[in-house]
Amino acid sequence: MESENVTIQTQDGPCDAFAAYPETDGTYPAVLLFMDAFGVRPVLRDMARRLAAEGYYVLVPNLFHRNGPAPVVELPDLGVPEAREAFFREAGPLMRALTPELAMRDADRYLAFLASRPQVAPGPAGTVGYCMGGALAVRTAARHPERIAAAASFHGGHLVTEEADSPHRLLGQVDAELYFGHADQDHAMDARHIARLEEALDAAGVTYHSEVYEGAAHGFTMADTPVFDAAALDRHWERLLDLFARTLRG
Protein backbone atom coordinates (compact mmCIF):
# COMPACT_ATOMS: atom_id res chain seq x y z
CA MET A 1 0.00 0.00 0.00
CA GLU A 2 0.90 3.62 -0.49
CA SER A 3 0.16 5.90 2.44
CA GLU A 4 0.79 9.52 3.26
CA ASN A 5 -0.08 12.32 5.62
CA VAL A 6 -2.06 15.01 3.84
CA THR A 7 -3.51 18.41 4.71
CA ILE A 8 -7.04 19.51 3.86
CA GLN A 9 -7.96 23.17 3.93
CA THR A 10 -11.20 23.73 5.84
CA GLN A 11 -13.05 26.93 6.60
CA ASP A 12 -11.46 26.89 10.04
CA GLY A 13 -7.89 26.13 9.02
CA PRO A 14 -5.83 23.12 8.00
CA CYS A 15 -6.96 19.60 8.85
CA ASP A 16 -4.31 16.90 9.05
CA ALA A 17 -5.35 13.52 7.69
CA PHE A 18 -4.01 10.10 6.76
CA ALA A 19 -4.55 8.56 3.32
CA ALA A 20 -3.95 5.01 2.10
CA TYR A 21 -4.43 3.53 -1.38
CA PRO A 22 -3.06 0.75 -3.62
CA GLU A 23 0.42 1.36 -4.95
CA THR A 24 -0.48 0.11 -8.43
CA ASP A 25 -1.46 2.60 -11.11
CA GLY A 26 -5.15 3.20 -11.52
CA THR A 27 -8.08 4.91 -9.83
CA TYR A 28 -10.10 3.62 -6.91
CA PRO A 29 -13.41 4.38 -5.20
CA ALA A 30 -13.08 6.84 -2.34
CA VAL A 31 -13.87 5.95 1.27
CA LEU A 32 -14.10 8.54 4.03
CA LEU A 33 -13.32 6.95 7.40
CA PHE A 34 -14.52 8.81 10.48
CA MET A 35 -12.47 8.17 13.61
CA ASP A 36 -13.70 7.25 17.07
CA ALA A 37 -13.19 9.48 20.09
CA PHE A 38 -9.62 8.21 20.57
CA GLY A 39 -8.48 9.93 17.39
CA VAL A 40 -6.26 9.21 14.42
CA ARG A 41 -3.59 6.80 15.64
CA PRO A 42 -1.75 3.64 14.52
CA VAL A 43 -4.73 1.28 14.81
CA LEU A 44 -6.86 3.49 12.54
CA ARG A 45 -4.01 3.85 10.07
CA ASP A 46 -3.73 0.06 9.97
CA MET A 47 -7.46 -0.25 9.37
CA ALA A 48 -7.23 2.28 6.54
CA ARG A 49 -4.42 0.26 4.95
CA ARG A 50 -6.45 -2.94 5.32
CA LEU A 51 -9.37 -1.34 3.52
CA ALA A 52 -7.14 0.22 0.87
CA ALA A 53 -5.70 -3.20 0.11
CA GLU A 54 -9.15 -4.17 -1.19
CA GLY A 55 -8.92 -1.43 -3.83
CA TYR A 56 -10.03 1.84 -2.23
CA TYR A 57 -8.59 5.27 -1.57
CA VAL A 58 -9.18 5.77 2.15
CA LEU A 59 -9.03 9.13 3.93
CA VAL A 60 -8.93 9.40 7.74
CA PRO A 61 -9.22 13.05 8.82
CA ASN A 62 -8.40 14.36 12.28
CA LEU A 63 -11.84 15.52 13.37
CA PHE A 64 -10.34 17.52 16.24
CA HIS A 65 -8.10 19.54 13.92
CA ARG A 66 -9.31 22.85 15.37
CA ASN A 67 -7.40 21.92 18.50
CA GLY A 68 -4.18 20.88 16.77
CA PRO A 69 -2.72 17.95 14.83
CA ALA A 70 -3.27 14.36 15.88
CA PRO A 71 -2.86 13.10 18.49
CA VAL A 72 -4.73 16.01 20.07
CA VAL A 73 -4.98 13.99 23.28
CA GLU A 74 -2.45 11.24 23.85
CA LEU A 75 -4.04 7.82 24.24
CA PRO A 76 -3.22 6.34 27.65
CA ASP A 77 -3.53 2.78 28.90
CA LEU A 78 -7.31 2.55 28.74
CA GLY A 79 -7.27 -0.49 30.99
CA VAL A 80 -6.44 1.82 33.89
CA PRO A 81 -9.69 3.47 35.05
CA GLU A 82 -7.96 6.63 36.26
CA ALA A 83 -6.17 7.06 32.94
CA ARG A 84 -9.39 6.51 30.99
CA GLU A 85 -11.21 9.07 33.11
CA ALA A 86 -8.39 11.58 32.63
CA PHE A 87 -8.50 11.04 28.87
CA PHE A 88 -12.20 11.79 28.64
CA ARG A 89 -11.83 14.87 30.81
CA GLU A 90 -9.67 16.23 27.99
CA ALA A 91 -11.42 14.65 25.01
CA GLY A 92 -14.99 15.23 26.17
CA PRO A 93 -14.96 18.98 25.47
CA LEU A 94 -13.47 18.34 22.03
CA MET A 95 -16.29 15.94 21.19
CA ARG A 96 -18.96 18.37 22.39
CA ALA A 97 -17.39 21.24 20.46
CA LEU A 98 -17.61 19.29 17.20
CA THR A 99 -21.20 20.20 16.42
CA PRO A 100 -23.05 18.57 13.51
CA GLU A 101 -22.82 21.88 11.65
CA LEU A 102 -19.03 22.03 11.98
CA ALA A 103 -18.59 18.34 11.23
CA MET A 104 -20.62 18.53 8.02
CA ARG A 105 -18.90 21.73 6.94
CA ASP A 106 -15.68 19.78 7.23
CA ALA A 107 -17.17 16.77 5.44
CA ASP A 108 -17.83 18.97 2.41
CA ARG A 109 -14.11 19.72 2.26
CA TYR A 110 -13.10 16.10 2.84
CA LEU A 111 -15.20 14.97 -0.13
CA ALA A 112 -13.90 17.80 -2.29
CA PHE A 113 -10.35 16.78 -1.40
CA LEU A 114 -11.07 13.18 -2.33
CA ALA A 115 -12.55 14.24 -5.68
CA SER A 116 -9.34 16.15 -6.43
CA ARG A 117 -6.97 13.21 -5.91
CA PRO A 118 -5.61 11.61 -9.09
CA GLN A 119 -5.94 8.13 -7.53
CA VAL A 120 -9.68 8.54 -6.86
CA ALA A 121 -12.14 7.24 -9.43
CA PRO A 122 -15.11 9.38 -10.39
CA GLY A 123 -18.43 8.06 -9.21
CA PRO A 124 -19.85 6.88 -5.91
CA ALA A 125 -17.98 7.10 -2.63
CA GLY A 126 -18.45 5.35 0.70
CA THR A 127 -18.13 6.33 4.30
CA VAL A 128 -17.63 4.39 7.50
CA GLY A 129 -17.54 5.60 11.08
CA TYR A 130 -16.69 4.16 14.48
CA CYS A 131 -18.15 5.28 17.81
CA MET A 132 -18.77 9.04 17.39
CA GLY A 133 -17.90 8.62 13.72
CA GLY A 134 -20.92 6.39 13.08
CA ALA A 135 -23.33 9.29 13.31
CA LEU A 136 -21.08 11.38 11.07
CA ALA A 137 -21.11 8.66 8.41
CA VAL A 138 -24.92 8.78 8.38
CA ARG A 139 -24.99 12.58 8.39
CA THR A 140 -22.59 12.68 5.44
CA ALA A 141 -24.76 10.24 3.48
CA ALA A 142 -27.77 12.48 4.10
CA ARG A 143 -25.91 15.65 3.15
CA HIS A 144 -24.41 14.20 -0.03
CA PRO A 145 -26.92 11.70 -1.43
CA GLU A 146 -25.59 12.26 -4.94
CA ARG A 147 -22.10 11.16 -3.89
CA ILE A 148 -22.39 8.66 -1.04
CA ALA A 149 -23.57 5.22 -2.17
CA ALA A 150 -22.79 3.34 1.04
CA ALA A 151 -22.37 4.25 4.70
CA ALA A 152 -21.56 2.02 7.65
CA SER A 153 -21.60 2.62 11.39
CA PHE A 154 -19.89 0.34 13.90
CA HIS A 155 -20.67 0.67 17.60
CA GLY A 156 -22.00 4.10 16.68
CA GLY A 157 -23.41 6.21 19.47
CA HIS A 158 -26.22 8.77 19.55
CA LEU A 159 -27.75 7.77 16.25
CA VAL A 160 -31.13 8.42 17.87
CA THR A 161 -31.53 11.51 20.03
CA GLU A 162 -34.28 13.99 20.84
CA GLU A 163 -32.58 16.73 18.84
CA ALA A 164 -34.29 18.07 15.72
CA ASP A 165 -31.24 17.11 13.65
CA SER A 166 -30.76 13.63 15.13
CA PRO A 167 -29.25 11.28 12.53
CA HIS A 168 -32.38 9.12 12.50
CA ARG A 169 -34.43 12.16 11.45
CA LEU A 170 -32.24 12.67 8.37
CA LEU A 171 -32.81 9.27 6.81
CA GLY A 172 -35.34 10.56 4.30
CA GLN A 173 -32.45 12.40 2.63
CA VAL A 174 -30.32 9.26 2.22
CA ASP A 175 -29.93 7.39 -1.08
CA ALA A 176 -27.05 5.23 0.17
CA GLU A 177 -27.27 1.67 1.39
CA LEU A 178 -26.64 1.68 5.12
CA TYR A 179 -25.16 -0.84 7.53
CA PHE A 180 -25.25 -0.69 11.33
CA GLY A 181 -23.17 -3.00 13.52
CA HIS A 182 -24.32 -2.30 17.07
CA ALA A 183 -22.47 -3.18 20.24
CA ASP A 184 -24.33 -5.33 22.72
CA GLN A 185 -25.65 -3.43 25.77
CA ASP A 186 -24.34 -0.08 24.57
CA HIS A 187 -25.68 2.75 26.75
CA ALA A 188 -25.29 5.22 23.85
CA MET A 189 -27.31 2.96 21.52
CA ASP A 190 -29.42 0.53 23.52
CA ALA A 191 -32.20 -1.79 22.34
CA ARG A 192 -34.78 0.99 22.56
CA HIS A 193 -32.64 3.28 20.40
CA ILE A 194 -32.00 0.50 17.89
CA ALA A 195 -35.72 -0.15 17.56
CA ARG A 196 -36.39 3.55 16.95
CA LEU A 197 -33.60 3.68 14.39
CA GLU A 198 -34.97 0.70 12.50
CA GLU A 199 -38.47 2.17 12.55
CA ALA A 200 -37.09 5.36 11.01
CA LEU A 201 -35.13 3.39 8.41
CA ASP A 202 -38.23 1.45 7.41
CA ALA A 203 -40.32 4.61 7.24
CA ALA A 204 -37.72 6.30 5.02
CA GLY A 205 -37.52 3.30 2.68
CA VAL A 206 -33.76 3.06 3.05
CA THR A 207 -31.93 -0.11 2.03
CA TYR A 208 -30.15 -1.20 5.18
CA HIS A 209 -28.96 -3.97 7.45
CA SER A 210 -28.87 -3.54 11.21
CA GLU A 211 -27.55 -6.13 13.64
CA VAL A 212 -26.31 -6.44 17.19
CA TYR A 213 -22.94 -8.07 17.83
CA GLU A 214 -23.92 -10.21 20.78
CA GLY A 215 -21.42 -10.07 23.62
CA ALA A 216 -19.36 -7.30 21.97
CA ALA A 217 -18.82 -4.12 23.96
CA HIS A 218 -18.83 -0.56 22.69
CA GLY A 219 -15.55 -0.07 20.82
CA PHE A 220 -15.21 -3.74 19.85
CA THR A 221 -13.35 -3.04 16.59
CA MET A 222 -10.44 -1.19 18.18
CA ALA A 223 -7.41 -3.41 18.83
CA ASP A 224 -5.76 -0.86 21.13
CA THR A 225 -8.57 -0.87 23.71
CA PRO A 226 -9.49 -3.35 26.48
CA VAL A 227 -12.88 -4.06 24.83
CA PHE A 228 -11.39 -5.30 21.56
CA ASP A 229 -13.12 -8.40 20.19
CA ALA A 230 -11.17 -10.15 17.42
CA ALA A 231 -14.11 -12.23 16.22
CA ALA A 232 -16.35 -9.17 16.07
CA LEU A 233 -13.66 -7.29 14.14
CA ASP A 234 -13.52 -10.10 11.56
CA ARG A 235 -17.28 -10.00 11.23
CA HIS A 236 -17.05 -6.23 10.80
CA TRP A 237 -14.64 -6.66 7.89
CA GLU A 238 -16.93 -9.19 6.21
CA ARG A 239 -19.89 -6.84 6.42
CA LEU A 240 -17.99 -3.72 5.42
CA LEU A 241 -16.17 -5.23 2.47
CA ASP A 242 -19.35 -6.82 1.18
CA LEU A 243 -21.20 -3.49 1.40
CA PHE A 244 -18.51 -1.55 -0.43
CA ALA A 245 -17.92 -4.25 -3.06
CA ARG A 246 -21.60 -4.21 -4.04
CA THR A 247 -22.18 -0.46 -3.94
CA LEU A 248 -18.85 1.10 -4.91
CA ARG A 249 -17.32 -1.49 -7.22
CA GLY A 250 -20.46 -2.82 -8.88
Foldseek 3Di string as FASTA:
>chain_A
DDKDWDWFQAPLGIWIKIKEADPDDAAAAEEEEEEALQFDDVQVNVVRNVVRVVGYIYMYIGLLPSQHYPPSQDQDAQVDVVSVVVRCVVSVVSLVVCDLVNLVSVVVRVVVVLVPDPRHDPAAHEYEYAACGLLVRLVNQLVCQRHHAEYEYEQYFQCDDPDPVRSLNSLLSGPHEYEYEHEAPEPRQYPVNVVSSVVSCVVSVHHYYYDYDPPQYRPCLGPSHPRHDVVVVVVVCVVVVVRCCVGPVD
